C-alpha atoms as a PDB file:
ATOM      1  CA  UNK A   1      -0.543 -27.977   6.166  1.00  0.00           C
ATOM      2  CA  UNK A   2       0.932 -24.416   9.259  1.00  0.00           C
ATOM      3  CA  UNK A   3      -0.520 -25.530  12.828  1.00  0.00           C
ATOM      4  CA  UNK A   4       0.409 -22.123  15.325  1.00  0.00           C
ATOM      5  CA  UNK A   5      -0.990 -21.462  18.349  1.00  0.00           C
ATOM      6  CA  UNK A   6      -3.623 -18.663  18.794  1.00  0.00           C
ATOM      7  CA  UNK A   7      -1.923 -15.440  19.834  1.00  0.00           C
ATOM      8  CA  UNK A   8      -4.551 -14.072  21.836  1.00  0.00           C
ATOM      9  CA  UNK A   9      -6.137 -17.427  23.766  1.00  0.00           C
ATOM     10  CA  UNK A  10      -2.987 -20.315  23.303  1.00  0.00           C
ATOM     11  CA  UNK A  11      -5.515 -22.684  21.368  1.00  0.00           C
ATOM     12  CA  UNK A  12      -4.241 -24.612  18.489  1.00  0.00           C
ATOM     13  CA  UNK A  13      -5.409 -23.586  14.845  1.00  0.00           C
ATOM     14  CA  UNK A  14      -4.482 -24.240  11.313  1.00  0.00           C
ATOM     15  CA  UNK A  15      -2.204 -20.526  10.261  1.00  0.00           C
ATOM     16  CA  UNK A  16      -3.578 -19.136   7.055  1.00  0.00           C
ATOM     17  CA  UNK A  17      -0.246 -17.045   5.863  1.00  0.00           C
ATOM     18  CA  UNK A  18      -0.724 -13.427   5.837  1.00  0.00           C
ATOM     19  CA  UNK A  19      -3.193 -13.265   8.056  1.00  0.00           C
ATOM     20  CA  UNK A  20      -3.398 -12.218  11.785  1.00  0.00           C
ATOM     21  CA  UNK A  21      -1.688 -15.125  13.961  1.00  0.00           C
ATOM     22  CA  UNK A  22      -4.969 -15.845  16.115  1.00  0.00           C
ATOM     23  CA  UNK A  23      -7.823 -18.585  15.755  1.00  0.00           C
ATOM     24  CA  UNK A  24     -11.854 -18.232  14.554  1.00  0.00           C
ATOM     25  CA  UNK A  25     -13.506 -17.407  17.731  1.00  0.00           C
ATOM     26  CA  UNK A  26     -10.779 -14.693  18.772  1.00  0.00           C
ATOM     27  CA  UNK A  27     -10.274 -13.527  14.918  1.00  0.00           C
ATOM     28  CA  UNK A  28     -13.940 -12.928  15.718  1.00  0.00           C
ATOM     29  CA  UNK A  29     -13.820 -11.128  18.881  1.00  0.00           C
ATOM     30  CA  UNK A  30     -11.266  -8.715  16.937  1.00  0.00           C
ATOM     31  CA  UNK A  31     -13.298  -7.919  14.472  1.00  0.00           C
ATOM     32  CA  UNK A  32     -16.870  -7.344  16.576  1.00  0.00           C
ATOM     33  CA  UNK A  33     -14.337  -4.678  18.759  1.00  0.00           C
ATOM     34  CA  UNK A  34     -14.050  -3.276  15.845  1.00  0.00           C
ATOM     35  CA  UNK A  35     -17.347  -2.461  14.738  1.00  0.00           C
ATOM     36  CA  UNK A  36     -17.804  -0.979  19.032  1.00  0.00           C
ATOM     37  CA  UNK A  37     -14.429   1.174  17.688  1.00  0.00           C
ATOM     38  CA  UNK A  38     -16.081   2.244  14.478  1.00  0.00           C
ATOM     39  CA  UNK A  39     -19.856   2.907  16.227  1.00  0.00           C
ATOM     40  CA  UNK A  40     -17.977   4.321  18.909  1.00  0.00           C
ATOM     41  CA  UNK A  41     -15.814   7.346  17.142  1.00  0.00           C
ATOM     42  CA  UNK A  42     -18.912   8.117  14.821  1.00  0.00           C
ATOM     43  CA  UNK A  43     -20.889   8.950  17.149  1.00  0.00           C
ATOM     44  CA  UNK A  44     -18.807  10.146  19.942  1.00  0.00           C
ATOM     45  CA  UNK A  45     -16.454  12.684  17.141  1.00  0.00           C
ATOM     46  CA  UNK A  46     -14.423  14.328  19.718  1.00  0.00           C
ATOM     47  CA  UNK A  47     -13.015  11.730  21.763  1.00  0.00           C
ATOM     48  CA  UNK A  48      -9.374  11.437  22.534  1.00  0.00           C
ATOM     49  CA  UNK A  49      -7.493   7.270  21.994  1.00  0.00           C
ATOM     50  CA  UNK A  50      -7.421   6.700  25.836  1.00  0.00           C
ATOM     51  CA  UNK A  51     -11.103   7.149  25.720  1.00  0.00           C
ATOM     52  CA  UNK A  52     -12.566   5.272  23.069  1.00  0.00           C
ATOM     53  CA  UNK A  53     -10.518   2.339  24.276  1.00  0.00           C
ATOM     54  CA  UNK A  54     -11.496   2.205  28.073  1.00  0.00           C
ATOM     55  CA  UNK A  55     -15.049   2.611  27.246  1.00  0.00           C
ATOM     56  CA  UNK A  56     -14.119  -0.306  24.315  1.00  0.00           C
ATOM     57  CA  UNK A  57     -12.018  -2.474  26.278  1.00  0.00           C
ATOM     58  CA  UNK A  58      -9.353  -1.953  23.289  1.00  0.00           C
ATOM     59  CA  UNK A  59      -6.642  -1.878  24.442  1.00  0.00           C
ATOM     60  CA  UNK A  60      -5.011   1.501  22.432  1.00  0.00           C
ATOM     61  CA  UNK A  61      -2.573   0.076  20.611  1.00  0.00           C
ATOM     62  CA  UNK A  62      -4.787  -1.747  18.680  1.00  0.00           C
ATOM     63  CA  UNK A  63      -6.669   1.363  17.906  1.00  0.00           C
ATOM     64  CA  UNK A  64      -3.581   2.715  16.545  1.00  0.00           C
ATOM     65  CA  UNK A  65      -2.732  -0.722  14.158  1.00  0.00           C
ATOM     66  CA  UNK A  66      -6.490  -0.320  13.019  1.00  0.00           C
ATOM     67  CA  UNK A  67      -5.921   3.785  12.476  1.00  0.00           C
ATOM     68  CA  UNK A  68      -2.032   2.921  10.423  1.00  0.00           C
ATOM     69  CA  UNK A  69      -4.483  -0.413   8.222  1.00  0.00           C
ATOM     70  CA  UNK A  70      -6.662   2.717   6.656  1.00  0.00           C
ATOM     71  CA  UNK A  71      -9.138   1.104   8.901  1.00  0.00           C
ATOM     72  CA  UNK A  72     -10.028   3.647  11.641  1.00  0.00           C
ATOM     73  CA  UNK A  73      -9.673   7.668  10.595  1.00  0.00           C
ATOM     74  CA  UNK A  74     -10.600  10.349  12.738  1.00  0.00           C
ATOM     75  CA  UNK A  75     -12.565  13.496  11.933  1.00  0.00           C
ATOM     76  CA  UNK A  76     -10.718  16.722  11.375  1.00  0.00           C
ATOM     77  CA  UNK A  77     -12.046  17.880  14.325  1.00  0.00           C
ATOM     78  CA  UNK A  78     -11.330  15.282  16.654  1.00  0.00           C
ATOM     79  CA  UNK A  79      -7.842  15.377  19.376  1.00  0.00           C
ATOM     80  CA  UNK A  80      -6.647  11.863  17.755  1.00  0.00           C
ATOM     81  CA  UNK A  81      -4.228  11.451  15.640  1.00  0.00           C
ATOM     82  CA  UNK A  82      -0.907   9.483  15.656  1.00  0.00           C
ATOM     83  CA  UNK A  83       2.596  10.432  13.214  1.00  0.00           C
ATOM     84  CA  UNK A  84       3.353   9.922  10.467  1.00  0.00           C
ATOM     85  CA  UNK A  85       6.394   7.280  10.092  1.00  0.00           C
ATOM     86  CA  UNK A  86       8.754   9.696   7.990  1.00  0.00           C
ATOM     87  CA  UNK A  87       8.863  13.182   8.933  1.00  0.00           C
ATOM     88  CA  UNK A  88       6.213  13.537  12.325  1.00  0.00           C
ATOM     89  CA  UNK A  89       3.851  14.856  11.158  1.00  0.00           C
ATOM     90  CA  UNK A  90       0.104  14.454  13.088  1.00  0.00           C
ATOM     91  CA  UNK A  91      -2.539  11.931  10.842  1.00  0.00           C
ATOM     92  CA  UNK A  92      -5.541  11.151  11.303  1.00  0.00           C
ATOM     93  CA  UNK A  93      -5.481   8.123   9.028  1.00  0.00           C
ATOM     94  CA  UNK A  94      -2.680   6.112   7.920  1.00  0.00           C
ATOM     95  CA  UNK A  95       0.867   6.015   8.132  1.00  0.00           C
ATOM     96  CA  UNK A  96       2.225   8.705   5.754  1.00  0.00           C
ATOM     97  CA  UNK A  97       1.260  11.845   5.443  1.00  0.00           C
ATOM     98  CA  UNK A  98      -0.012  13.111   1.778  1.00  0.00           C
ATOM     99  CA  UNK A  99       3.654  15.017   1.240  1.00  0.00           C
ATOM    100  CA  UNK A 100       5.423  11.950   2.108  1.00  0.00           C
ATOM    101  CA  UNK A 101       3.053   9.904   0.401  1.00  0.00           C
ATOM    102  CA  UNK A 102       3.652  11.618  -3.432  1.00  0.00           C
ATOM    103  CA  UNK A 103       6.445  11.811  -2.822  1.00  0.00           C
ATOM    104  CA  UNK A 104       7.529   8.162  -2.406  1.00  0.00           C
ATOM    105  CA  UNK A 105       4.967   7.878  -5.035  1.00  0.00           C
ATOM    106  CA  UNK A 106       7.272  10.478  -7.758  1.00  0.00           C
ATOM    107  CA  UNK A 107      10.322   8.456  -6.458  1.00  0.00           C
ATOM    108  CA  UNK A 108       9.239   4.705  -7.303  1.00  0.00           C
ATOM    109  CA  UNK A 109       7.387   6.740 -10.532  1.00  0.00           C
ATOM    110  CA  UNK A 110      10.673   7.739 -11.542  1.00  0.00           C
ATOM    111  CA  UNK A 111      12.680   4.144 -10.770  1.00  0.00           C
ATOM    112  CA  UNK A 112      10.602   3.011 -13.837  1.00  0.00           C
ATOM    113  CA  UNK A 113      10.629   5.859 -16.095  1.00  0.00           C
ATOM    114  CA  UNK A 114      12.688   4.126 -19.006  1.00  0.00           C
ATOM    115  CA  UNK A 115      14.179   6.189 -21.349  1.00  0.00           C
ATOM    116  CA  UNK A 116      12.137   5.385 -25.115  1.00  0.00           C
ATOM    117  CA  UNK A 117      14.805   5.883 -27.614  1.00  0.00           C
ATOM    118  CA  UNK A 118      13.100   7.907 -30.535  1.00  0.00           C
ATOM    119  CA  UNK A 119      13.539   5.326 -33.829  1.00  0.00           C
ATOM    120  CA  UNK A 120      15.722   6.315 -36.429  1.00  0.00           C
ATOM    121  CA  UNK A 121      15.037   6.715 -39.954  1.00  0.00           C
ATOM    122  CA  UNK A 122      17.589   5.818 -42.593  1.00  0.00           C
ATOM    123  CA  UNK A 123      17.863   8.257 -45.372  1.00  0.00           C
ATOM    124  CA  UNK A 124      20.410   7.227 -48.490  1.00  0.00           C
ATOM    125  CA  UNK A 125      22.839   9.553 -47.044  1.00  0.00           C
ATOM    126  CA  UNK A 126      22.893   7.007 -43.909  1.00  0.00           C
ATOM    127  CA  UNK A 127      24.616   4.022 -46.483  1.00  0.00           C
ATOM    128  CA  UNK A 128      27.927   3.849 -46.838  1.00  0.00           C
ATOM    129  CA  UNK A 129      28.329   2.870 -50.495  1.00  0.00           C
ATOM    130  CA  UNK A 130      25.741   4.727 -52.407  1.00  0.00           C
ATOM    131  CA  UNK A 131      25.102   2.099 -55.427  1.00  0.00           C
ATOM    132  CA  UNK A 132      22.216   0.981 -56.929  1.00  0.00           C
ATOM    133  CA  UNK A 133      22.863  -2.444 -57.424  1.00  0.00           C
ATOM    134  CA  UNK A 134      20.601  -5.861 -59.727  1.00  0.00           C
ATOM    135  CA  UNK A 135      21.296  -8.705 -59.616  1.00  0.00           C
ATOM    136  CA  UNK A 136      21.739 -10.830 -62.083  1.00  0.00           C
ATOM    137  CA  UNK A 137      18.684 -11.625 -64.544  1.00  0.00           C
ATOM    138  CA  UNK A 138      19.701 -14.969 -66.220  1.00  0.00           C
ATOM    139  CA  UNK A 139      17.672 -15.026 -68.780  1.00  0.00           C
ATOM    140  CA  UNK A 140      19.178 -11.017 -69.645  1.00  0.00           C
ATOM    141  CA  UNK A 141      22.033 -10.389 -71.675  1.00  0.00           C
ATOM    142  CA  UNK A 142      24.770  -8.727 -70.552  1.00  0.00           C
END
């Protein structure tokens, strides 16, 4: 059992690995904020990140985190964008632009590509001593 203090309110809670270090009450409040932000973006597609943050009482860092996690995406006509972590191109959601994602996938795919040798079929020419041999049959005469 891993007991920690909530990063937001300081209460002690049972931490589950892989989850944010927040107690259940703070986690629920954060999810409610997320729903509010998502609805606000849907209703105001041209809103900037600062406007969304102020209207919903959420930090811009939290909004950027949701964008990086691909939980939020802004429309193409929106002024909101974040930089691709690899090349710096402006993107609407995620960590990498389409070109960088494709490049990373190709590089990862080539790491696991193994060359399988063609099965070799033995021929008569491969045998160094091509003479025919028979087993001695005890019932036969020589």
